[in-house]
Amino acid sequence: MPRYDFRCRACGSTFEVTRPMSASDEAAACPEGHDDTVRLLSTVAMTGGAAAPPSGGCCGGGCCS
């Protein structure tokens, strides 16, 4: 299940909520009980994957003019 980051506008705390994607747009109260929260744009960090091999294609080989 995905996690969503929120920030409370009243107290400034940030917190995570785990919920199904179908409920991603629902409001979330902060742990202090405030209702004035906003969902933050989360960034995804991916590590450990295979890097793309170097190529002589248009994005790296200089064939675009």
Protein backbone atom coordinates (compact mmCIF):
# COMPACT_ATOMS: atom_id res chain seq x y z
CA MET A 1 0.00 0.00 0.00
CA PRO A 2 1.41 3.44 -0.88
CA ARG A 3 2.48 6.00 1.70
CA TYR A 4 1.59 9.66 1.35
CA ASP A 5 3.42 12.56 3.00
CA PHE A 6 1.43 15.37 4.58
CA ARG A 7 2.30 18.64 6.30
CA CYS A 8 0.15 20.33 8.92
CA ARG A 9 -0.40 24.02 8.24
CA ALA A 10 -1.34 24.66 11.88
CA CYS A 11 1.72 23.21 13.65
CA GLY A 12 4.16 22.57 10.76
CA SER A 13 4.71 18.87 11.46
CA THR A 14 5.13 16.40 8.61
CA PHE A 15 3.76 12.87 8.75
CA GLU A 16 3.03 9.83 6.59
CA VAL A 17 -0.27 8.13 5.95
CA THR A 18 -0.54 4.63 4.46
CA ARG A 19 -3.72 4.14 2.47
CA PRO A 20 -4.95 2.64 -0.80
CA MET A 21 -4.50 4.64 -3.99
CA SER A 22 -8.28 4.97 -4.24
CA ALA A 23 -8.15 7.13 -1.08
CA SER A 24 -5.09 9.19 -2.08
CA ASP A 25 -7.03 12.47 -2.36
CA GLU A 26 -8.76 12.20 1.03
CA ALA A 27 -7.85 14.68 3.76
CA ALA A 28 -5.72 13.53 6.70
CA ALA A 29 -5.61 14.98 10.21
CA CYS A 30 -2.15 15.47 11.70
CA PRO A 31 -1.08 13.42 14.76
CA GLU A 32 -1.76 16.51 16.92
CA GLY A 33 -5.40 16.51 15.73
CA HIS A 34 -5.33 19.50 13.35
CA ASP A 35 -7.36 19.22 10.17
CA ASP A 36 -5.59 21.89 8.09
CA THR A 37 -3.13 19.64 6.24
CA VAL A 38 -1.75 19.47 2.72
CA ARG A 39 -0.41 16.45 0.85
CA LEU A 40 3.22 16.85 -0.19
CA LEU A 41 4.73 15.84 -3.49
CA SER A 42 6.84 12.80 -2.69
CA THR A 43 10.05 11.98 -4.47
CA VAL A 44 11.03 8.43 -5.21
CA ALA A 45 14.64 7.33 -4.82
CA MET A 46 15.58 4.18 -6.62
CA THR A 47 18.89 2.52 -5.88
CA GLY A 48 20.50 -0.78 -6.70
CA GLY A 49 19.12 -1.00 -10.20
CA ALA A 50 21.18 -1.68 -13.28
CA ALA A 51 22.49 1.44 -14.98
CA ALA A 52 21.79 1.95 -18.64
CA PRO A 53 24.76 0.93 -20.77
CA PRO A 54 26.60 3.70 -22.59
CA SER A 55 25.49 4.07 -26.16
CA GLY A 56 26.35 6.01 -29.26
CA GLY A 57 22.73 6.98 -29.76
CA CYS A 58 21.33 10.42 -30.26
CA CYS A 59 21.32 11.30 -26.55
CA GLY A 60 24.99 10.55 -26.04
CA GLY A 61 26.73 10.16 -29.35
CA GLY A 62 26.36 13.64 -30.79
CA CYS A 63 24.25 12.66 -33.80
CA CYS A 64 21.67 15.40 -33.13
CA SER A 65 22.41 18.72 -34.77
